[in-house]
Amino acid sequence: MAGDSVKARNGTMVAYTGQMNFKKMSGGGDGLRGMVTRRLTGEQMEVMEVKGQGTCYFADRATEVNLVRLNGETLYVESENLLCTEATLHTGTSFTGLNGMASGNGLFTTKVEGHGWAALTSKGPAIILRVSQGMPLRVDPGAYVAHTGNLNRSLKSGAGWTTIIGEGGGEAMQVEFAGDGLVYVQPSEKMTFGGDV
C-alpha cells in the first residue's frame, strides 16, 4: 500500500512491513445503512480499515486465498469467505432465498461491487468454473464459495423415494447456475441442510 487503504475482516492481519494503522469499522463499514442491513440479514462481519505505507499480509485459519479482480461487475460471496477488499469496492447484501438456506448461510449473501481487488478464502484451492448459455452448472451447496457474472441460481433436488427410505445417493440438493459467468467452488464441503439429505 502507498497511503491507500483496504477493508479486511477483523483479526486477519498476520504480518506487515512499513507503517500501518488498524481501525475497526463500526457495523462492518459502508455507513449506518450498511450496518443495519447486515444485522437484519445476518451477513454480519467485523471489519477493520487498514491504511498505511508498506505491505500487509492477511490470512484466515490456513485457508487458501484467491484474488478476484472486479472491473465494474458484482461478486456474490458468502461473508465467511470474504477476507478483504480494496477500499474502493462497495459491499452490501443480496437476497438469495431458499438457495442460501440450502447452503447453510441464511436468506442473504454478501455482494461486492466496483473496481478493485477482493480476496476470498476457500478450503483448498478454489476451482473457477465457467457457465455459458445453454450449459448450466450444478454445484453442491457446501462447496459453493462465490460467483460473478449474469447468473441465475436456483435450487435443484434429486431427492426421490429412495431418499425417503434412507437409500439416497447423498447428493439430493444442488444449486444450479444458468447464464454467463464464473462460479468459485472449493474442494471441500461444509455441513449443509442439503448435504444431510
Protein backbone atom coordinates (compact mmCIF):
# COMPACT_ATOMS: atom_id res chain seq x y z
CA MET A 1 0.00 0.00 0.00
CA ALA A 2 1.15 3.52 -0.68
CA GLY A 3 -1.05 5.57 1.61
CA ASP A 4 -4.27 3.92 0.41
CA SER A 5 -6.42 1.50 2.42
CA VAL A 6 -8.15 -1.87 2.40
CA LYS A 7 -11.10 -3.29 4.33
CA ALA A 8 -10.36 -6.63 6.00
CA ARG A 9 -12.06 -9.00 8.39
CA ASN A 10 -11.06 -8.16 11.97
CA GLY A 11 -8.06 -10.09 13.26
CA THR A 12 -6.86 -11.44 9.89
CA MET A 13 -3.58 -9.50 9.69
CA VAL A 14 -0.68 -11.93 10.07
CA ALA A 15 2.29 -9.67 9.21
CA TYR A 16 3.20 -6.29 7.77
CA THR A 17 6.12 -4.11 6.80
CA GLY A 18 6.23 -0.34 6.93
CA GLN A 19 3.76 1.81 8.84
CA MET A 20 0.16 0.57 9.18
CA ASN A 21 -2.87 1.83 11.07
CA PHE A 22 -5.71 -0.53 12.00
CA LYS A 23 -9.12 0.94 12.74
CA LYS A 24 -12.28 -1.01 13.50
CA MET A 25 -15.15 -0.01 11.23
CA SER A 26 -18.29 0.03 13.33
CA GLY A 27 -21.01 -2.15 11.88
CA GLY A 28 -18.74 -3.62 9.21
CA GLY A 29 -18.33 -0.42 7.23
CA ASP A 30 -20.37 1.27 4.49
CA GLY A 31 -22.11 3.53 7.00
CA LEU A 32 -25.21 3.24 9.14
CA ARG A 33 -27.34 1.81 6.35
CA GLY A 34 -24.80 -0.95 5.73
CA MET A 35 -24.67 -1.75 9.43
CA VAL A 36 -28.45 -2.01 9.79
CA THR A 37 -28.76 -4.09 6.63
CA ARG A 38 -26.08 -6.54 7.71
CA ARG A 39 -27.62 -7.01 11.15
CA LEU A 40 -31.06 -7.58 9.68
CA THR A 41 -29.84 -10.05 7.08
CA GLY A 42 -27.37 -11.95 9.25
CA GLU A 43 -24.46 -11.14 6.87
CA GLN A 44 -22.51 -9.60 9.72
CA MET A 45 -18.78 -9.27 9.52
CA GLU A 46 -16.43 -7.41 11.83
CA VAL A 47 -14.32 -5.25 9.51
CA MET A 48 -11.25 -3.11 10.04
CA GLU A 49 -9.73 -0.45 7.82
CA VAL A 50 -6.01 -0.89 7.25
CA LYS A 51 -4.20 2.15 5.95
CA GLY A 52 -0.53 2.87 5.52
CA GLN A 53 2.72 2.60 3.64
CA GLY A 54 4.17 -0.88 3.09
CA THR A 55 2.92 -4.42 2.66
CA CYS A 56 0.24 -6.07 4.80
CA TYR A 57 -0.50 -9.81 4.77
CA PHE A 58 -3.90 -11.31 5.63
CA ALA A 59 -4.88 -14.94 6.27
CA ASP A 60 -7.61 -16.93 8.00
CA ARG A 61 -7.22 -20.39 9.58
CA ALA A 62 -4.78 -21.68 6.93
CA THR A 63 -7.39 -21.41 4.17
CA GLU A 64 -6.44 -20.71 0.57
CA VAL A 65 -6.58 -17.08 -0.55
CA ASN A 66 -8.00 -16.39 -4.02
CA LEU A 67 -7.74 -12.93 -5.61
CA VAL A 68 -10.61 -11.66 -7.76
CA ARG A 69 -10.30 -8.51 -9.87
CA LEU A 70 -13.57 -6.64 -10.33
CA ASN A 71 -13.94 -4.22 -13.24
CA GLY A 72 -17.40 -2.91 -12.53
CA GLU A 73 -19.09 -6.29 -12.13
CA THR A 74 -20.62 -7.73 -8.95
CA LEU A 75 -19.16 -10.53 -6.86
CA TYR A 76 -21.57 -12.57 -4.74
CA VAL A 77 -19.79 -14.31 -1.85
CA GLU A 78 -20.65 -15.86 1.48
CA SER A 79 -19.45 -13.44 4.18
CA GLU A 80 -17.36 -16.17 5.84
CA ASN A 81 -15.37 -16.48 2.56
CA LEU A 82 -14.62 -12.75 2.16
CA LEU A 83 -11.18 -11.92 3.61
CA CYS A 84 -10.54 -8.35 2.43
CA THR A 85 -11.20 -5.85 -0.34
CA GLU A 86 -9.70 -2.69 -1.65
CA ALA A 87 -11.37 0.31 -0.06
CA THR A 88 -12.65 1.35 -3.50
CA LEU A 89 -15.09 -1.59 -3.51
CA HIS A 90 -18.58 -1.26 -2.04
CA THR A 91 -20.08 -4.14 -0.04
CA GLY A 92 -23.76 -4.85 0.52
CA THR A 93 -26.20 -7.73 0.80
CA SER A 94 -28.32 -9.65 -1.69
CA PHE A 95 -31.40 -11.82 -1.12
CA THR A 96 -30.83 -15.46 -2.08
CA GLY A 97 -33.97 -17.11 -0.70
CA LEU A 98 -34.01 -20.89 -0.49
CA ASN A 99 -30.69 -21.15 -2.34
CA GLY A 100 -28.94 -19.57 0.63
CA MET A 101 -30.90 -21.64 3.12
CA ALA A 102 -29.67 -24.83 1.44
CA SER A 103 -26.08 -23.66 1.62
CA GLY A 104 -26.50 -23.10 5.33
CA ASN A 105 -25.87 -19.35 5.15
CA GLY A 106 -29.35 -17.94 5.53
CA LEU A 107 -31.50 -15.95 3.16
CA PHE A 108 -28.87 -13.37 2.19
CA THR A 109 -25.34 -13.24 0.82
CA THR A 110 -22.71 -10.52 0.58
CA LYS A 111 -22.18 -8.66 -2.68
CA VAL A 112 -19.09 -6.68 -3.61
CA GLU A 113 -19.22 -4.10 -6.41
CA GLY A 114 -16.94 -1.65 -8.14
CA HIS A 115 -13.37 -1.60 -9.41
CA GLY A 116 -10.60 -3.26 -7.43
CA TRP A 117 -9.34 -6.46 -5.86
CA ALA A 118 -11.16 -8.74 -3.44
CA ALA A 119 -9.61 -11.69 -1.59
CA LEU A 120 -11.70 -14.80 -0.98
CA THR A 121 -10.88 -17.77 1.23
CA SER A 122 -11.59 -21.40 0.46
CA LYS A 123 -10.76 -24.76 1.99
CA GLY A 124 -8.25 -25.87 -0.61
CA PRO A 125 -7.54 -24.02 -3.87
CA ALA A 126 -10.79 -22.75 -5.40
CA ILE A 127 -11.79 -24.13 -8.77
CA ILE A 128 -13.16 -21.48 -11.15
CA LEU A 129 -15.87 -22.90 -13.39
CA ARG A 130 -17.28 -21.02 -16.38
CA VAL A 131 -21.02 -21.07 -17.03
CA SER A 132 -22.28 -20.20 -20.51
CA GLN A 133 -25.67 -20.03 -22.21
CA GLY A 134 -27.17 -23.47 -22.62
CA MET A 135 -24.57 -25.08 -20.32
CA PRO A 136 -25.84 -24.71 -16.75
CA LEU A 137 -23.67 -25.79 -13.84
CA ARG A 138 -24.82 -27.61 -10.72
CA VAL A 139 -22.84 -27.14 -7.51
CA ASP A 140 -23.02 -28.80 -4.12
CA PRO A 141 -24.25 -26.07 -1.72
CA GLY A 142 -21.49 -26.97 0.72
CA ALA A 143 -18.76 -26.43 -1.90
CA TYR A 144 -20.05 -23.09 -3.24
CA VAL A 145 -17.85 -20.06 -2.43
CA ALA A 146 -18.78 -17.20 -4.77
CA HIS A 147 -19.85 -16.21 -8.29
CA THR A 148 -19.68 -13.33 -10.75
CA GLY A 149 -21.47 -12.54 -13.96
CA ASN A 150 -25.05 -12.59 -15.13
CA LEU A 151 -26.15 -15.83 -13.48
CA ASN A 152 -29.50 -17.05 -12.25
CA ARG A 153 -29.29 -19.52 -9.42
CA SER A 154 -31.96 -21.97 -8.40
CA LEU A 155 -32.20 -24.87 -6.02
CA LYS A 156 -32.48 -28.31 -7.60
CA SER A 157 -33.40 -31.51 -5.86
CA GLY A 158 -32.58 -35.03 -6.91
CA ALA A 159 -34.47 -36.48 -3.94
CA GLY A 160 -36.82 -39.33 -4.71
CA TRP A 161 -38.49 -42.20 -2.97
CA THR A 162 -35.08 -43.80 -2.24
CA THR A 163 -34.15 -40.69 -0.24
CA ILE A 164 -37.29 -41.09 1.87
CA ILE A 165 -36.35 -44.64 2.84
CA GLY A 166 -32.76 -43.63 3.60
CA GLU A 167 -31.20 -45.08 0.44
CA GLY A 168 -30.44 -41.78 -1.34
CA GLY A 169 -27.10 -41.20 -3.07
CA GLY A 170 -26.11 -38.38 -0.71
CA GLU A 171 -26.36 -35.67 -3.41
CA ALA A 172 -30.02 -34.77 -3.10
CA MET A 173 -29.62 -30.97 -3.25
CA GLN A 174 -27.68 -28.81 -5.68
CA VAL A 175 -27.62 -25.16 -6.71
CA GLU A 176 -27.93 -24.67 -10.47
CA PHE A 177 -26.30 -21.65 -12.16
CA ALA A 178 -27.55 -20.65 -15.60
CA GLY A 179 -26.45 -17.75 -17.84
CA ASP A 180 -22.95 -16.33 -18.29
CA GLY A 181 -20.41 -16.06 -15.53
CA LEU A 182 -17.90 -17.72 -13.24
CA VAL A 183 -18.52 -19.86 -10.16
CA TYR A 184 -15.88 -20.42 -7.46
CA VAL A 185 -16.04 -23.88 -5.88
CA GLN A 186 -13.86 -25.23 -3.07
CA PRO A 187 -12.63 -28.85 -2.97
CA SER A 188 -14.32 -29.33 0.39
CA GLU A 189 -17.91 -29.45 1.57
CA LYS A 190 -19.16 -27.66 4.64
CA MET A 191 -22.12 -29.09 6.53
CA THR A 192 -25.41 -28.04 4.92
CA PHE A 193 -29.05 -28.98 5.13
CA GLY A 194 -28.84 -30.24 1.55
CA GLY A 195 -25.79 -32.32 2.30
CA ASP A 196 -27.60 -34.16 5.07
CA VAL A 197 -30.45 -35.35 2.82
